[in-house]
Protein backbone atom coordinates (compact mmCIF):
# COMPACT_ATOMS: atom_id res chain seq x y z
CA MET A 1 10.03 15.84 30.38
CA VAL A 2 7.04 13.44 30.26
CA GLY A 3 4.04 14.61 32.30
CA GLU A 4 2.26 12.48 34.48
CA GLU A 5 -0.77 12.11 32.20
CA GLU A 6 1.11 11.42 29.30
CA LYS A 7 2.90 8.65 31.33
CA SER A 8 -0.65 6.81 31.37
CA PHE A 9 -0.98 6.54 27.74
CA ARG A 10 0.71 3.69 26.13
CA ARG A 11 1.08 3.26 22.03
CA ILE A 12 -0.10 0.13 19.74
CA ALA A 13 1.08 -0.70 16.34
CA LEU A 14 -1.61 -3.07 14.37
CA VAL A 15 -0.59 -4.83 11.32
CA VAL A 16 -4.03 -4.63 9.45
CA GLU A 17 -5.44 -6.19 5.97
CA TYR A 18 -8.29 -5.06 4.15
CA ASP A 19 -10.45 -5.43 0.62
CA GLY A 20 -10.30 -1.68 -0.18
CA THR A 21 -13.25 -2.02 -2.48
CA ALA A 22 -16.03 -0.61 -0.51
CA TYR A 23 -13.89 2.19 1.14
CA ALA A 24 -13.18 5.49 -0.23
CA GLY A 25 -9.34 5.18 0.62
CA SER A 26 -7.45 4.67 3.67
CA GLN A 27 -7.73 8.45 5.13
CA TYR A 28 -10.43 9.25 7.21
CA GLN A 29 -13.20 11.20 5.04
CA LYS A 30 -15.99 12.89 7.08
CA ASN A 31 -18.67 11.72 4.22
CA ALA A 32 -17.32 8.42 3.21
CA PRO A 33 -16.51 4.82 4.49
CA THR A 34 -12.69 4.65 5.15
CA ILE A 35 -10.19 2.01 6.57
CA GLN A 36 -9.18 4.76 9.30
CA GLY A 37 -12.90 5.76 10.15
CA GLU A 38 -13.69 1.85 10.45
CA LEU A 39 -10.68 1.32 12.61
CA GLU A 40 -11.33 4.12 14.62
CA LYS A 41 -15.25 3.30 15.38
CA ALA A 42 -14.18 -0.13 16.32
CA LEU A 43 -11.43 1.32 18.83
CA ASN A 44 -13.98 3.44 20.23
CA LYS A 45 -16.57 0.46 20.72
CA LEU A 46 -13.25 -1.33 22.66
CA THR A 47 -12.03 1.18 24.84
CA GLY A 48 -14.58 3.98 25.04
CA GLU A 49 -11.96 6.44 23.93
CA ARG A 50 -12.11 8.63 20.90
CA THR A 51 -8.63 7.91 19.29
CA ARG A 52 -7.05 9.36 16.24
CA LEU A 53 -5.40 6.60 14.51
CA ALA A 54 -2.07 6.95 12.00
CA LEU A 55 -1.54 4.79 9.21
CA ALA A 56 1.98 4.18 7.45
CA GLY A 57 0.66 4.31 3.94
CA ARG A 58 -2.01 6.27 2.19
CA THR A 59 -4.07 3.89 -0.11
CA ASP A 60 -6.56 5.08 -2.75
CA ALA A 61 -10.00 4.20 -3.34
CA GLY A 62 -10.45 0.59 -3.90
CA VAL A 63 -6.90 -0.32 -3.22
CA HIS A 64 -6.29 -3.37 -0.97
CA ALA A 65 -3.54 -4.04 1.88
CA LYS A 66 -2.05 -7.04 3.54
CA GLY A 67 0.29 -5.58 5.55
CA GLN A 68 -0.84 -2.06 6.34
CA VAL A 69 0.50 -0.95 9.64
CA ALA A 70 -1.63 1.33 12.26
CA SER A 71 -0.76 3.06 15.61
CA PHE A 72 -2.81 4.69 18.24
CA ARG A 73 -2.54 5.97 21.83
CA THR A 74 -4.79 4.11 24.34
CA ARG A 75 -5.17 4.19 28.33
CA ALA A 76 -6.78 0.77 27.97
CA PRO A 77 -4.90 -2.06 29.70
CA TYR A 78 -5.55 -4.83 27.37
CA GLU A 79 -2.72 -7.08 26.22
CA ALA A 80 -1.83 -6.88 22.61
CA GLU A 81 -3.65 -10.09 21.74
CA VAL A 82 -6.76 -8.90 23.14
CA PHE A 83 -6.48 -5.88 20.78
CA VAL A 84 -6.41 -8.38 17.89
CA ARG A 85 -9.54 -10.47 18.78
CA ALA A 86 -11.64 -7.59 20.27
CA LEU A 87 -11.01 -5.04 17.24
CA ASN A 88 -11.80 -8.20 14.90
CA ALA A 89 -14.94 -8.66 16.53
CA HIS A 90 -16.14 -4.92 16.07
CA LEU A 91 -15.01 -4.40 12.51
CA PRO A 92 -16.39 -5.20 9.33
CA PRO A 93 -15.74 -8.55 7.53
CA ASP A 94 -13.58 -6.99 4.72
CA ILE A 95 -10.97 -5.48 7.49
CA ALA A 96 -9.04 -7.61 9.60
CA VAL A 97 -6.37 -7.05 12.46
CA ARG A 98 -3.61 -9.31 11.85
CA SER A 99 -1.25 -8.30 14.74
CA ALA A 100 -0.64 -6.00 17.55
CA ARG A 101 2.06 -4.85 19.91
CA GLN A 102 3.12 -2.22 21.98
CA VAL A 103 5.73 -0.02 20.85
CA PRO A 104 7.28 3.29 22.15
CA LEU A 105 4.98 6.02 23.01
CA SER A 106 7.31 8.34 20.52
CA PHE A 107 6.77 5.80 17.48
CA GLN A 108 5.65 7.59 14.26
CA VAL A 109 4.25 4.98 12.13
CA ARG A 110 4.53 6.93 8.86
CA ARG A 111 7.76 8.85 9.26
CA GLN A 112 9.99 5.95 10.64
CA ALA A 113 8.70 3.39 7.92
CA LYS A 114 12.06 2.55 6.15
CA ARG A 115 10.35 0.68 3.22
CA ARG A 116 7.05 0.20 1.72
CA TRP A 117 6.36 -2.99 -0.84
CA TYR A 118 3.42 -2.85 -3.34
CA ARG A 119 2.14 -5.53 -5.45
CA TYR A 120 0.25 -4.96 -8.79
CA LEU A 121 -1.39 -7.74 -10.13
CA ILE A 122 -2.67 -8.13 -13.83
CA CYS A 123 -4.50 -11.37 -15.35
CA ASN A 124 -3.00 -11.68 -18.51
CA GLY A 125 -5.25 -14.11 -20.36
CA ARG A 126 -7.86 -14.32 -23.10
CA GLN A 127 -10.80 -14.80 -20.79
CA ARG A 128 -11.67 -12.58 -18.00
CA PRO A 129 -11.23 -13.75 -14.39
CA ALA A 130 -13.98 -14.51 -12.27
CA LEU A 131 -12.98 -15.43 -8.59
CA ARG A 132 -10.13 -12.54 -8.42
CA ARG A 133 -11.63 -9.91 -10.48
CA GLY A 134 -11.71 -7.18 -7.81
CA TYR A 135 -8.21 -7.82 -7.00
CA CYS A 136 -6.63 -7.63 -10.72
CA TRP A 137 -6.67 -5.71 -13.72
CA HIS A 138 -7.51 -8.04 -16.80
CA VAL A 139 -5.36 -7.68 -19.75
CA ALA A 140 -6.46 -9.82 -22.63
CA GLN A 141 -3.37 -9.22 -25.12
CA PRO A 142 -0.24 -11.34 -24.52
CA LEU A 143 2.20 -9.38 -22.30
CA ASP A 144 6.06 -9.60 -23.18
CA VAL A 145 6.95 -9.76 -19.16
CA GLU A 146 10.86 -9.84 -20.37
CA ALA A 147 10.52 -6.39 -21.75
CA MET A 148 8.41 -5.06 -18.69
CA GLN A 149 11.19 -6.49 -16.41
CA ASP A 150 13.97 -4.75 -18.41
CA ALA A 151 12.13 -1.30 -18.03
CA ALA A 152 11.25 -1.91 -14.56
CA GLN A 153 15.01 -2.02 -13.79
CA HIS A 154 15.40 1.72 -14.64
CA LEU A 155 13.48 2.42 -11.60
CA VAL A 156 15.93 1.15 -9.65
CA GLY A 157 17.96 3.87 -7.27
CA GLU A 158 17.16 7.48 -6.31
CA HIS A 159 14.96 9.12 -8.89
CA ASP A 160 12.58 12.05 -9.67
CA LEU A 161 9.55 9.89 -10.17
CA ALA A 162 7.25 13.03 -10.86
CA ALA A 163 6.30 11.29 -14.31
CA PHE A 164 4.61 8.93 -12.48
CA ALA A 165 2.97 10.95 -9.75
CA ALA A 166 -0.85 12.47 -10.20
CA PRO A 167 -0.61 16.00 -11.52
CA SER A 168 -1.77 17.36 -8.41
CA ALA A 169 0.56 15.58 -6.23
CA PRO A 170 2.21 17.98 -3.91
CA GLY A 171 6.01 18.25 -2.54
CA ARG A 172 9.31 16.67 -3.78
CA THR A 173 9.27 13.73 -6.12
CA VAL A 174 12.49 12.25 -5.48
CA ARG A 175 12.28 8.69 -4.18
CA THR A 176 14.57 5.84 -3.80
CA VAL A 177 13.31 2.53 -5.32
CA HIS A 178 14.94 -0.95 -3.52
CA ARG A 179 13.23 -3.23 -5.74
CA ALA A 180 11.24 -3.36 -9.16
CA GLU A 181 10.34 -6.55 -10.43
CA VAL A 182 7.81 -7.97 -12.95
CA SER A 183 7.10 -11.64 -13.19
CA ARG A 184 4.86 -14.18 -14.33
CA ARG A 185 3.07 -16.97 -12.56
CA ARG A 186 1.17 -19.04 -15.26
CA SER A 187 -1.69 -16.52 -16.42
CA TRP A 188 -0.72 -13.97 -13.62
CA VAL A 189 1.83 -11.24 -14.04
CA MET A 190 2.96 -9.42 -10.86
CA PHE A 191 4.72 -5.90 -10.67
CA ASP A 192 6.46 -5.54 -7.41
CA ILE A 193 8.03 -2.63 -6.07
CA GLU A 194 9.50 -1.53 -2.86
CA ALA A 195 10.52 1.90 -2.06
CA ASN A 196 11.31 4.50 0.99
CA SER A 197 8.10 5.89 0.08
CA PHE A 198 5.62 6.50 -2.68
CA LEU A 199 3.65 9.33 -4.62
CA SER A 200 0.02 9.60 -5.03
CA GLN A 201 -0.77 6.94 -7.75
CA GLN A 202 2.77 6.42 -8.57
CA VAL A 203 2.44 2.49 -8.38
CA ARG A 204 -0.68 2.49 -10.67
CA ARG A 205 0.74 4.94 -13.14
CA THR A 206 3.96 3.01 -13.29
CA ALA A 207 2.29 -0.21 -13.82
CA GLY A 208 -0.23 1.60 -16.59
CA ALA A 209 3.03 2.49 -18.43
CA LEU A 210 4.75 -0.68 -18.02
CA VAL A 211 1.76 -2.49 -19.59
CA GLN A 212 2.40 -0.14 -22.72
CA VAL A 213 5.86 -1.59 -22.92
CA GLY A 214 4.49 -5.27 -22.55
CA LEU A 215 2.01 -4.75 -25.29
CA GLY A 216 4.80 -3.40 -27.59
CA LYS A 217 3.14 0.25 -27.87
CA GLN A 218 6.13 1.47 -25.83
CA THR A 219 9.84 0.52 -25.95
CA VAL A 220 12.37 0.07 -23.04
CA GLU A 221 13.79 2.92 -23.85
CA ASP A 222 10.63 5.06 -24.11
CA PHE A 223 9.85 4.08 -20.45
CA ARG A 224 13.48 5.17 -19.69
CA ARG A 225 12.91 8.67 -21.50
CA LEU A 226 9.55 8.82 -19.54
CA LEU A 227 11.04 8.60 -16.32
CA ALA A 228 14.17 10.87 -17.22
CA SER A 229 11.56 13.40 -18.05
CA ALA A 230 10.53 14.21 -14.55
CA GLN A 231 7.62 15.89 -15.84
CA ARG A 232 4.69 15.43 -13.21
CA GLY A 233 1.81 13.59 -14.36
CA ALA A 234 3.54 12.27 -17.96
CA ALA A 235 2.55 8.66 -17.65
CA THR A 236 -0.88 9.32 -18.46
CA GLN A 237 -2.68 5.69 -17.99
CA ALA A 238 -3.34 4.82 -14.06
CA ALA A 239 -3.90 0.90 -13.85
CA PRO A 240 -7.11 0.51 -11.87
CA PRO A 241 -7.07 0.84 -8.22
CA ARG A 242 -8.49 -3.01 -7.73
CA GLY A 243 -5.32 -4.57 -8.76
CA LEU A 244 -3.07 -2.63 -6.22
CA CYS A 245 -2.32 -4.33 -2.95
CA LEU A 246 0.00 -2.94 0.02
CA MET A 247 1.92 -5.85 0.92
CA ALA A 248 4.13 -4.85 3.86
CA VAL A 249 5.76 -2.08 5.64
CA GLU A 250 9.34 -2.30 7.15
CA TYR A 251 10.81 -0.80 9.96
CA ASP A 252 14.38 -1.11 11.82
CA ASP A 253 12.78 -2.10 15.13
CA LEU A 254 9.21 -3.31 14.36
CA SER A 255 8.63 -6.95 13.06
CA GLY A 256 5.32 -8.50 11.89
CA SER A 257 4.81 -6.23 8.97
CA GLY A 258 3.86 -8.80 6.67
CA HIS A 259 7.21 -9.83 5.21
CA GLU A 260 7.52 -12.89 7.08
CA GLU A 261 4.59 -14.52 5.36
CA ASP A 262 4.10 -16.48 1.89
CA ALA A 263 3.51 -13.66 -0.40
CA ASP A 264 1.04 -15.54 -2.84
CA LEU A 265 -1.34 -14.12 -5.13
């Protein structure tokens, strides 16, 4: 039974976009700037409350997001759109709230997420990029995108993905991958992957292994054997964090996570 004090709270869900370059990751750290820390400071300025905010996906230092989802409890009476405008007024320019809505007080932003979509972006041209240098990995040698796509298809389904996890990643390593695609748009190569959840460094280590296939240093069969080994940390090359972006998080009953917008570069 919900007490009277509990009834005075509401829960708000935010869709957040950020450039992770200047941050030590999404999760709060006492002595380093983080996305969670900046959001909580902005909420405190707006509401006067000391609020602990939860995030749907954990992103490493230097990783970006277009559709991160966050939620928090509050007694503040503001309409959802007021949270968007007011929080953006208090946040630094490299973090922006894209939308907000009230959700059930029981909503759990991490546990109830059904899918998360990450994109890893590679600039595959002889010359390094200037304008998007902070959002991609520059690989100068030509990549065989068809071979990379063939290798990526082995990821789809339920697998033990320990080979692509950080050696120190805790817990079970079985995940369900719903989509894994490698495509090219002119000099840009994109690796898109959707799964129920992800292991620490999983996308970056997978991208690193796929680039080895694209360069001809590993075969598609080598990639399949790497996956099948289920040996924690066997994929040793993690792609740089700057090329990774959390594009969207999907829920059964929460729209607005980012899929509805054009997923450009």
